[in-house]
Amino acid sequence: MRHHWSRYATRGIVRAMKSNLDGFGNTCQQASVQTYSGTLSLAMRFTSTPRGARPARRLVGVRLHEWGMPYGSGPHEAVVLITAELTANAVRHGHVPGRGFHLALRGTAEPCPVVVRVEVSDTRTERQLPRPGGLPQPDPQSTGGRGLVLVEGLAARWGWRPRAGGPGKTVWAEYEIP
């Protein structure tokens, strides 16, 4: 079976997996299977461990499928990969003991082309990222250091800003669906 993230969730977390459809932060009904029309969103906090990054990535995959972007399609795989890299970076480089990371996913159909925005916020303040276009090239012999290079290659735009309402930063990426 594919993408059964719910088996990892507790009853309290499943109730929190509702979409903010009104755009004002008010939690509304569960998102239904639909194509992009207007703006769709998802926001949730995860534990800042590999056990939190995995369900975040899988939840994004499930939600994209519910929004009409089928599993295995190029855009679906690209947005899931962007999410995987941003959440892995939040866990590896933005981890603060006792604090989690926040994931926000937004999709819009207006104006065309369709844009999906992934935002990952962590609470670590002392680690600052380079600006887009200023990423150092990874060492060919190293086994890491390619996450943001992948994000920069897949996303139409990406960047970071100080986290609103607290310490830390928010890294975001926008993927345009052709």
N, C-alpha and C. Protein backbone atom coordinates (compact mmCIF):
# COMPACT_ATOMS: atom_id res chain seq x y z
N MET A 1 0.84 -1.18 0.00
CA MET A 1 0.00 0.00 0.00
C MET A 1 0.88 1.24 0.00
N ARG A 2 0.39 2.29 -0.62
CA ARG A 2 1.19 3.48 -0.80
C ARG A 2 0.65 4.65 0.03
N HIS A 3 1.55 5.40 0.65
CA HIS A 3 1.25 6.63 1.36
C HIS A 3 0.21 6.46 2.47
N HIS A 4 0.46 5.56 3.36
CA HIS A 4 -0.42 5.39 4.50
C HIS A 4 0.20 6.04 5.72
N TRP A 5 0.32 7.37 5.67
CA TRP A 5 0.92 8.12 6.75
C TRP A 5 0.07 8.05 8.00
N SER A 6 -1.23 7.79 7.88
CA SER A 6 -2.12 7.82 9.04
C SER A 6 -1.76 6.75 10.07
N ARG A 7 -1.12 5.66 9.65
CA ARG A 7 -0.76 4.64 10.63
C ARG A 7 0.32 5.12 11.57
N TYR A 8 1.03 6.21 11.23
CA TYR A 8 2.05 6.77 12.09
C TYR A 8 1.51 7.88 12.99
N ALA A 9 0.29 8.29 12.74
CA ALA A 9 -0.27 9.43 13.44
C ALA A 9 -1.13 8.98 14.62
N THR A 10 -1.14 9.80 15.64
CA THR A 10 -2.03 9.54 16.77
C THR A 10 -3.37 10.18 16.48
N ARG A 11 -4.33 9.86 17.29
CA ARG A 11 -5.66 10.40 17.08
C ARG A 11 -5.66 11.93 17.10
N GLY A 12 -4.90 12.55 18.00
CA GLY A 12 -4.83 14.00 18.08
C GLY A 12 -4.21 14.62 16.84
N ILE A 13 -3.20 13.97 16.27
CA ILE A 13 -2.56 14.53 15.08
C ILE A 13 -3.49 14.43 13.88
N VAL A 14 -4.23 13.33 13.77
CA VAL A 14 -5.13 13.17 12.63
C VAL A 14 -6.17 14.28 12.63
N ARG A 15 -6.67 14.66 13.80
CA ARG A 15 -7.64 15.75 13.85
C ARG A 15 -7.03 17.06 13.40
N ALA A 16 -5.72 17.22 13.61
CA ALA A 16 -5.05 18.47 13.21
C ALA A 16 -4.79 18.52 11.71
N MET A 17 -4.96 17.42 11.00
CA MET A 17 -4.68 17.38 9.57
C MET A 17 -5.87 17.88 8.77
N LYS A 18 -6.27 19.11 9.04
CA LYS A 18 -7.37 19.72 8.32
C LYS A 18 -6.84 20.89 7.54
N SER A 19 -7.50 21.22 6.49
CA SER A 19 -7.04 22.31 5.63
C SER A 19 -7.55 23.64 6.13
N ASN A 20 -6.75 24.67 5.96
CA ASN A 20 -7.16 26.03 6.23
C ASN A 20 -7.68 26.61 4.93
N LEU A 21 -8.92 26.31 4.61
CA LEU A 21 -9.47 26.67 3.31
C LEU A 21 -9.88 28.13 3.21
N ASP A 22 -10.10 28.79 4.37
CA ASP A 22 -10.55 30.17 4.27
C ASP A 22 -9.42 31.17 4.20
N GLY A 23 -8.16 30.73 4.38
CA GLY A 23 -7.02 31.61 4.23
C GLY A 23 -6.75 32.52 5.41
N PHE A 24 -7.57 32.45 6.45
CA PHE A 24 -7.37 33.30 7.62
C PHE A 24 -6.88 32.52 8.82
N GLY A 25 -6.43 31.30 8.62
CA GLY A 25 -5.93 30.50 9.72
C GLY A 25 -7.01 29.76 10.48
N ASN A 26 -8.27 29.90 10.07
CA ASN A 26 -9.35 29.18 10.72
C ASN A 26 -9.45 27.79 10.12
N THR A 27 -9.35 26.78 10.97
CA THR A 27 -9.39 25.42 10.47
C THR A 27 -10.81 25.07 10.07
N CYS A 28 -10.96 24.61 8.86
CA CYS A 28 -12.27 24.27 8.32
C CYS A 28 -12.36 22.77 8.10
N GLN A 29 -13.14 22.38 7.14
CA GLN A 29 -13.38 20.98 6.84
C GLN A 29 -12.16 20.29 6.26
N GLN A 30 -12.19 18.98 6.30
CA GLN A 30 -11.15 18.16 5.67
C GLN A 30 -11.16 18.43 4.17
N ALA A 31 -9.99 18.56 3.58
CA ALA A 31 -9.93 18.82 2.13
C ALA A 31 -10.43 17.60 1.38
N SER A 32 -11.27 17.82 0.40
CA SER A 32 -11.79 16.72 -0.39
C SER A 32 -10.95 16.57 -1.65
N VAL A 33 -11.18 15.49 -2.38
CA VAL A 33 -10.47 15.29 -3.63
C VAL A 33 -11.00 16.30 -4.63
N GLN A 34 -10.11 17.17 -5.10
CA GLN A 34 -10.53 18.20 -6.03
C GLN A 34 -9.33 18.67 -6.83
N THR A 35 -9.63 19.27 -7.97
CA THR A 35 -8.57 19.85 -8.77
C THR A 35 -8.31 21.26 -8.25
N TYR A 36 -7.25 21.88 -8.74
CA TYR A 36 -6.92 23.22 -8.30
C TYR A 36 -8.02 24.19 -8.72
N SER A 37 -8.58 24.87 -7.76
CA SER A 37 -9.53 25.93 -8.03
C SER A 37 -9.40 26.92 -6.89
N GLY A 38 -8.97 28.13 -7.19
CA GLY A 38 -8.73 29.09 -6.13
C GLY A 38 -7.44 28.76 -5.40
N THR A 39 -7.50 28.77 -4.08
CA THR A 39 -6.33 28.48 -3.26
C THR A 39 -6.64 27.36 -2.29
N LEU A 40 -5.74 26.40 -2.21
CA LEU A 40 -5.85 25.30 -1.26
C LEU A 40 -4.64 25.37 -0.34
N SER A 41 -4.81 24.95 0.91
CA SER A 41 -3.67 25.04 1.82
C SER A 41 -3.70 23.94 2.86
N LEU A 42 -2.53 23.72 3.43
CA LEU A 42 -2.32 22.76 4.50
C LEU A 42 -1.25 23.35 5.40
N ALA A 43 -1.42 23.28 6.70
CA ALA A 43 -0.41 23.74 7.64
C ALA A 43 -0.39 22.80 8.82
N MET A 44 0.81 22.38 9.22
CA MET A 44 0.92 21.43 10.33
C MET A 44 2.32 21.49 10.93
N ARG A 45 2.42 21.19 12.22
CA ARG A 45 3.69 21.15 12.92
C ARG A 45 4.11 19.69 13.10
N PHE A 46 5.41 19.43 12.93
CA PHE A 46 5.97 18.09 13.06
C PHE A 46 7.14 18.10 14.02
N THR A 47 7.44 16.95 14.60
CA THR A 47 8.60 16.83 15.46
C THR A 47 9.87 16.97 14.62
N SER A 48 10.87 17.62 15.18
CA SER A 48 12.10 17.91 14.44
C SER A 48 13.06 16.72 14.50
N THR A 49 12.60 15.60 14.00
CA THR A 49 13.39 14.37 13.93
C THR A 49 13.12 13.72 12.58
N PRO A 50 13.94 12.74 12.19
CA PRO A 50 13.62 12.03 10.93
C PRO A 50 12.22 11.41 10.96
N ARG A 51 11.74 11.06 12.15
CA ARG A 51 10.38 10.52 12.25
C ARG A 51 9.32 11.58 11.98
N GLY A 52 9.67 12.85 12.04
CA GLY A 52 8.75 13.92 11.70
C GLY A 52 8.84 14.30 10.23
N ALA A 53 10.05 14.21 9.68
CA ALA A 53 10.24 14.60 8.27
C ALA A 53 9.54 13.63 7.33
N ARG A 54 9.57 12.35 7.66
CA ARG A 54 8.96 11.35 6.77
C ARG A 54 7.45 11.52 6.65
N PRO A 55 6.69 11.61 7.76
CA PRO A 55 5.25 11.82 7.58
C PRO A 55 4.91 13.17 6.96
N ALA A 56 5.75 14.18 7.15
CA ALA A 56 5.50 15.47 6.50
C ALA A 56 5.57 15.31 4.99
N ARG A 57 6.61 14.63 4.53
CA ARG A 57 6.76 14.39 3.09
C ARG A 57 5.60 13.55 2.55
N ARG A 58 5.23 12.54 3.28
CA ARG A 58 4.15 11.66 2.81
C ARG A 58 2.80 12.36 2.84
N LEU A 59 2.57 13.20 3.84
CA LEU A 59 1.32 13.95 3.90
C LEU A 59 1.20 14.90 2.71
N VAL A 60 2.30 15.54 2.33
CA VAL A 60 2.28 16.42 1.15
C VAL A 60 1.92 15.60 -0.09
N GLY A 61 2.50 14.41 -0.23
CA GLY A 61 2.17 13.56 -1.37
C GLY A 61 0.70 13.19 -1.42
N VAL A 62 0.14 12.85 -0.27
CA VAL A 62 -1.28 12.50 -0.21
C VAL A 62 -2.14 13.71 -0.55
N ARG A 63 -1.78 14.87 0.03
CA ARG A 63 -2.59 16.06 -0.21
C ARG A 63 -2.53 16.50 -1.67
N LEU A 64 -1.35 16.43 -2.29
CA LEU A 64 -1.25 16.77 -3.71
C LEU A 64 -2.13 15.86 -4.55
N HIS A 65 -2.14 14.57 -4.23
CA HIS A 65 -3.00 13.63 -4.95
C HIS A 65 -4.47 14.00 -4.76
N GLU A 66 -4.86 14.37 -3.53
CA GLU A 66 -6.24 14.78 -3.27
C GLU A 66 -6.60 16.04 -4.05
N TRP A 67 -5.63 16.90 -4.27
CA TRP A 67 -5.87 18.14 -5.00
C TRP A 67 -5.89 17.94 -6.50
N GLY A 68 -5.66 16.72 -6.97
CA GLY A 68 -5.75 16.44 -8.39
C GLY A 68 -4.41 16.30 -9.10
N MET A 69 -3.32 16.23 -8.35
CA MET A 69 -1.99 16.02 -8.93
C MET A 69 -1.62 14.56 -8.65
N PRO A 70 -1.82 13.65 -9.61
CA PRO A 70 -1.71 12.21 -9.34
C PRO A 70 -0.29 11.75 -8.99
N TYR A 71 -0.25 10.69 -8.18
CA TYR A 71 1.02 10.04 -7.83
C TYR A 71 1.78 9.69 -9.10
N GLY A 72 3.08 9.82 -9.07
CA GLY A 72 3.91 9.42 -10.19
C GLY A 72 4.04 10.45 -11.28
N SER A 73 3.24 11.52 -11.24
CA SER A 73 3.38 12.56 -12.26
C SER A 73 4.62 13.39 -11.95
N GLY A 74 5.18 14.01 -12.95
CA GLY A 74 6.38 14.82 -12.77
C GLY A 74 6.23 15.93 -11.75
N PRO A 75 5.16 16.72 -11.84
CA PRO A 75 4.97 17.78 -10.84
C PRO A 75 4.80 17.24 -9.42
N HIS A 76 4.07 16.15 -9.27
CA HIS A 76 3.89 15.54 -7.95
C HIS A 76 5.23 15.15 -7.36
N GLU A 77 6.05 14.45 -8.14
CA GLU A 77 7.35 13.99 -7.65
C GLU A 77 8.27 15.17 -7.34
N ALA A 78 8.21 16.23 -8.15
CA ALA A 78 9.07 17.39 -7.91
C ALA A 78 8.70 18.10 -6.61
N VAL A 79 7.40 18.31 -6.36
CA VAL A 79 6.98 18.99 -5.13
C VAL A 79 7.29 18.12 -3.91
N VAL A 80 7.11 16.82 -4.01
CA VAL A 80 7.45 15.93 -2.89
C VAL A 80 8.95 15.95 -2.63
N LEU A 81 9.77 15.98 -3.68
CA LEU A 81 11.22 16.05 -3.50
C LEU A 81 11.63 17.38 -2.86
N ILE A 82 11.03 18.48 -3.28
CA ILE A 82 11.31 19.78 -2.66
C ILE A 82 10.95 19.73 -1.18
N THR A 83 9.79 19.17 -0.87
CA THR A 83 9.37 19.03 0.53
C THR A 83 10.34 18.17 1.31
N ALA A 84 10.77 17.05 0.73
CA ALA A 84 11.71 16.16 1.41
C ALA A 84 13.01 16.88 1.74
N GLU A 85 13.53 17.66 0.80
CA GLU A 85 14.79 18.37 1.04
C GLU A 85 14.63 19.45 2.09
N LEU A 86 13.55 20.22 2.03
CA LEU A 86 13.36 21.29 3.01
C LEU A 86 13.11 20.74 4.41
N THR A 87 12.33 19.67 4.52
CA THR A 87 12.09 19.10 5.86
C THR A 87 13.35 18.42 6.39
N ALA A 88 14.11 17.76 5.52
CA ALA A 88 15.37 17.14 5.97
C ALA A 88 16.34 18.20 6.47
N ASN A 89 16.40 19.34 5.79
CA ASN A 89 17.26 20.43 6.24
C ASN A 89 16.79 21.00 7.58
N ALA A 90 15.47 21.10 7.76
CA ALA A 90 14.95 21.59 9.05
C ALA A 90 15.33 20.65 10.17
N VAL A 91 15.30 19.35 9.91
CA VAL A 91 15.66 18.37 10.94
C VAL A 91 17.16 18.37 11.19
N ARG A 92 17.94 18.39 10.12
CA ARG A 92 19.40 18.26 10.28
C ARG A 92 20.07 19.55 10.73
N HIS A 93 19.67 20.67 10.14
CA HIS A 93 20.37 21.92 10.41
C HIS A 93 19.59 22.90 11.28
N GLY A 94 18.28 22.71 11.40
CA GLY A 94 17.45 23.66 12.16
C GLY A 94 16.90 23.10 13.45
N HIS A 95 17.37 21.92 13.84
CA HIS A 95 16.85 21.25 15.04
C HIS A 95 17.22 22.00 16.31
N VAL A 96 16.23 22.27 17.13
CA VAL A 96 16.41 22.78 18.48
C VAL A 96 15.69 21.80 19.39
N PRO A 97 16.38 21.23 20.40
CA PRO A 97 15.73 20.24 21.26
C PRO A 97 14.41 20.75 21.84
N GLY A 98 13.39 19.93 21.73
CA GLY A 98 12.08 20.26 22.25
C GLY A 98 11.22 21.10 21.33
N ARG A 99 11.73 21.48 20.17
CA ARG A 99 10.97 22.30 19.23
C ARG A 99 10.82 21.55 17.92
N GLY A 100 9.69 21.69 17.28
CA GLY A 100 9.45 21.03 16.01
C GLY A 100 9.64 22.00 14.84
N PHE A 101 9.22 21.55 13.67
CA PHE A 101 9.21 22.43 12.50
C PHE A 101 7.79 22.53 11.98
N HIS A 102 7.52 23.60 11.28
CA HIS A 102 6.19 23.86 10.75
C HIS A 102 6.23 23.75 9.23
N LEU A 103 5.27 23.04 8.68
CA LEU A 103 5.16 22.87 7.23
C LEU A 103 3.88 23.54 6.75
N ALA A 104 3.99 24.32 5.70
CA ALA A 104 2.82 24.92 5.06
C ALA A 104 2.89 24.61 3.57
N LEU A 105 1.76 24.22 3.02
CA LEU A 105 1.66 23.89 1.59
C LEU A 105 0.48 24.67 1.04
N ARG A 106 0.72 25.39 -0.04
CA ARG A 106 -0.35 26.16 -0.67
C ARG A 106 -0.34 25.92 -2.17
N GLY A 107 -1.52 25.80 -2.72
CA GLY A 107 -1.66 25.63 -4.16
C GLY A 107 -2.61 26.69 -4.69
N THR A 108 -2.30 27.22 -5.85
CA THR A 108 -3.16 28.24 -6.45
C THR A 108 -3.26 27.99 -7.95
N ALA A 109 -4.40 28.31 -8.49
CA ALA A 109 -4.61 28.15 -9.92
C ALA A 109 -4.70 29.50 -10.62
N GLU A 110 -4.68 30.56 -9.86
CA GLU A 110 -4.82 31.89 -10.44
C GLU A 110 -3.71 32.76 -9.95
N PRO A 111 -2.96 33.42 -10.72
CA PRO A 111 -2.97 33.38 -12.17
C PRO A 111 -2.25 32.14 -12.68
N CYS A 112 -2.51 31.81 -13.93
CA CYS A 112 -1.84 30.67 -14.53
C CYS A 112 -0.38 31.00 -14.71
N PRO A 113 0.53 30.11 -14.62
CA PRO A 113 0.38 28.68 -14.38
C PRO A 113 0.10 28.39 -12.90
N VAL A 114 -0.32 27.17 -12.65
CA VAL A 114 -0.59 26.73 -11.29
C VAL A 114 0.72 26.75 -10.51
N VAL A 115 0.68 27.28 -9.30
CA VAL A 115 1.86 27.38 -8.45
C VAL A 115 1.59 26.64 -7.14
N VAL A 116 2.56 25.83 -6.72
CA VAL A 116 2.51 25.18 -5.43
C VAL A 116 3.66 25.74 -4.60
N ARG A 117 3.36 26.22 -3.41
CA ARG A 117 4.36 26.81 -2.53
C ARG A 117 4.52 25.93 -1.29
N VAL A 118 5.77 25.57 -1.00
CA VAL A 118 6.11 24.78 0.19
C VAL A 118 6.91 25.69 1.10
N GLU A 119 6.51 25.77 2.38
CA GLU A 119 7.23 26.56 3.37
C GLU A 119 7.56 25.67 4.56
N VAL A 120 8.79 25.69 5.02
CA VAL A 120 9.20 24.94 6.20
C VAL A 120 9.88 25.92 7.15
N SER A 121 9.36 26.01 8.38
CA SER A 121 9.91 26.92 9.39
C SER A 121 10.54 26.12 10.51
N ASP A 122 11.73 26.55 10.95
CA ASP A 122 12.35 25.95 12.13
C ASP A 122 12.69 27.07 13.11
N THR A 123 13.16 26.71 14.30
CA THR A 123 13.39 27.71 15.35
C THR A 123 14.86 28.01 15.58
N ARG A 124 15.73 27.54 14.73
CA ARG A 124 17.16 27.80 14.91
C ARG A 124 17.50 29.14 14.30
N THR A 125 18.12 30.02 15.08
CA THR A 125 18.38 31.38 14.60
C THR A 125 19.80 31.60 14.13
N GLU A 126 20.77 30.85 14.65
CA GLU A 126 22.17 31.14 14.33
C GLU A 126 22.62 30.62 12.98
N ARG A 127 21.84 29.79 12.32
CA ARG A 127 22.22 29.27 11.00
C ARG A 127 21.49 30.06 9.92
N GLN A 128 22.21 30.82 9.17
CA GLN A 128 21.63 31.61 8.08
C GLN A 128 21.98 30.97 6.75
N LEU A 129 21.04 30.96 5.84
CA LEU A 129 21.23 30.35 4.54
C LEU A 129 21.75 31.37 3.53
N PRO A 130 22.43 30.90 2.50
CA PRO A 130 22.78 31.81 1.41
C PRO A 130 21.52 32.20 0.65
N ARG A 131 21.59 33.29 -0.03
CA ARG A 131 20.46 33.74 -0.85
C ARG A 131 20.41 32.94 -2.14
N PRO A 132 19.23 32.87 -2.78
CA PRO A 132 19.13 32.16 -4.06
C PRO A 132 20.16 32.68 -5.06
N GLY A 133 20.75 31.76 -5.79
CA GLY A 133 21.78 32.10 -6.74
C GLY A 133 23.16 32.16 -6.13
N GLY A 134 23.26 32.15 -4.81
CA GLY A 134 24.53 32.24 -4.13
C GLY A 134 24.96 30.95 -3.45
N LEU A 135 24.38 29.85 -3.88
CA LEU A 135 24.72 28.56 -3.26
C LEU A 135 26.10 28.10 -3.72
N PRO A 136 26.92 27.64 -2.79
CA PRO A 136 28.22 27.09 -3.19
C PRO A 136 28.01 25.74 -3.87
N GLN A 137 28.85 25.45 -4.84
CA GLN A 137 28.78 24.15 -5.50
C GLN A 137 29.30 23.08 -4.54
N PRO A 138 28.57 21.97 -4.40
CA PRO A 138 29.02 20.93 -3.49
C PRO A 138 30.28 20.24 -4.00
N ASP A 139 31.07 19.77 -3.07
CA ASP A 139 32.27 19.02 -3.39
C ASP A 139 31.86 17.70 -4.05
N PRO A 140 32.41 17.36 -5.22
CA PRO A 140 32.02 16.12 -5.89
C PRO A 140 32.29 14.86 -5.05
N GLN A 141 33.23 14.95 -4.13
CA GLN A 141 33.58 13.80 -3.29
C GLN A 141 32.70 13.68 -2.05
N SER A 142 31.97 14.75 -1.67
CA SER A 142 31.17 14.70 -0.46
C SER A 142 29.84 13.97 -0.71
N THR A 143 29.26 13.47 0.35
CA THR A 143 27.99 12.75 0.23
C THR A 143 26.80 13.63 0.57
N GLY A 144 27.03 14.88 0.94
CA GLY A 144 25.93 15.78 1.30
C GLY A 144 26.11 17.13 0.65
N GLY A 145 25.25 18.06 1.04
CA GLY A 145 25.36 19.42 0.56
C GLY A 145 24.66 19.71 -0.75
N ARG A 146 23.75 18.84 -1.16
CA ARG A 146 23.09 19.04 -2.45
C ARG A 146 21.60 19.37 -2.33
N GLY A 147 21.08 19.41 -1.11
CA GLY A 147 19.64 19.61 -0.92
C GLY A 147 19.12 20.90 -1.52
N LEU A 148 19.71 22.03 -1.14
CA LEU A 148 19.24 23.30 -1.68
C LEU A 148 19.59 23.46 -3.15
N VAL A 149 20.64 22.79 -3.61
CA VAL A 149 20.97 22.81 -5.05
C VAL A 149 19.83 22.13 -5.82
N LEU A 150 19.32 21.01 -5.29
CA LEU A 150 18.17 20.35 -5.92
C LEU A 150 16.93 21.24 -5.89
N VAL A 151 16.69 21.87 -4.74
CA VAL A 151 15.53 22.76 -4.63
C VAL A 151 15.65 23.90 -5.64
N GLU A 152 16.84 24.49 -5.74
CA GLU A 152 17.04 25.58 -6.69
C GLU A 152 16.82 25.13 -8.13
N GLY A 153 17.20 23.88 -8.44
CA GLY A 153 17.02 23.36 -9.79
C GLY A 153 15.57 23.04 -10.12
N LEU A 154 14.79 22.61 -9.14
CA LEU A 154 13.40 22.22 -9.39
C LEU A 154 12.42 23.38 -9.27
N ALA A 155 12.66 24.27 -8.32
CA ALA A 155 11.70 25.34 -8.03
C ALA A 155 11.86 26.51 -8.99
N ALA A 156 10.76 27.16 -9.26
CA ALA A 156 10.80 28.39 -10.07
C ALA A 156 11.44 29.51 -9.26
N ARG A 157 11.14 29.54 -7.96
CA ARG A 157 11.68 30.53 -7.04
C ARG A 157 11.86 29.87 -5.68
N TRP A 158 12.84 30.34 -4.93
CA TRP A 158 12.99 29.89 -3.55
C TRP A 158 13.68 30.99 -2.77
N GLY A 159 13.60 30.91 -1.47
CA GLY A 159 14.26 31.89 -0.63
C GLY A 159 14.02 31.58 0.84
N TRP A 160 14.43 32.51 1.68
CA TRP A 160 14.18 32.35 3.10
C TRP A 160 13.97 33.73 3.71
N ARG A 161 13.34 33.73 4.86
CA ARG A 161 13.09 34.96 5.60
C ARG A 161 13.07 34.63 7.08
N PRO A 162 13.26 35.60 7.94
CA PRO A 162 13.11 35.34 9.37
C PRO A 162 11.68 34.85 9.66
N ARG A 163 11.58 33.92 10.57
CA ARG A 163 10.28 33.35 10.92
C ARG A 163 9.40 34.39 11.59
N ALA A 164 8.17 34.50 11.13
CA ALA A 164 7.22 35.45 11.71
C ALA A 164 6.76 34.95 13.07
N GLY A 165 6.73 35.83 14.04
CA GLY A 165 6.18 35.48 15.34
C GLY A 165 7.10 34.68 16.25
N GLY A 166 8.38 34.66 15.97
CA GLY A 166 9.27 33.92 16.85
C GLY A 166 10.65 33.78 16.28
N PRO A 167 11.51 33.09 17.00
CA PRO A 167 12.88 32.90 16.50
C PRO A 167 12.92 31.89 15.36
N GLY A 168 13.94 31.98 14.55
CA GLY A 168 14.13 31.00 13.49
C GLY A 168 13.97 31.59 12.10
N LYS A 169 13.75 30.70 11.15
CA LYS A 169 13.65 31.11 9.75
C LYS A 169 12.61 30.25 9.04
N THR A 170 12.13 30.75 7.94
CA THR A 170 11.22 30.02 7.06
C THR A 170 11.88 29.93 5.69
N VAL A 171 12.05 28.71 5.21
CA VAL A 171 12.59 28.48 3.87
C VAL A 171 11.40 28.10 2.99
N TRP A 172 11.28 28.73 1.85
CA TRP A 172 10.15 28.48 0.97
C TRP A 172 10.63 28.20 -0.45
N ALA A 173 9.80 27.49 -1.19
CA ALA A 173 10.06 27.21 -2.60
C ALA A 173 8.73 27.18 -3.34
N GLU A 174 8.73 27.71 -4.54
CA GLU A 174 7.52 27.70 -5.38
C GLU A 174 7.80 26.90 -6.63
N TYR A 175 6.89 25.98 -6.93
CA TYR A 175 7.00 25.14 -8.12
C TYR A 175 5.86 25.52 -9.06
N GLU A 176 6.18 25.85 -10.28
CA GLU A 176 5.17 26.18 -11.28
C GLU A 176 4.89 24.96 -12.14
N ILE A 177 3.62 24.61 -12.22
CA ILE A 177 3.22 23.44 -13.00
C ILE A 177 3.00 23.87 -14.45
N PRO A 178 3.73 23.26 -15.38
CA PRO A 178 3.60 23.69 -16.78
C PRO A 178 2.23 23.39 -17.36
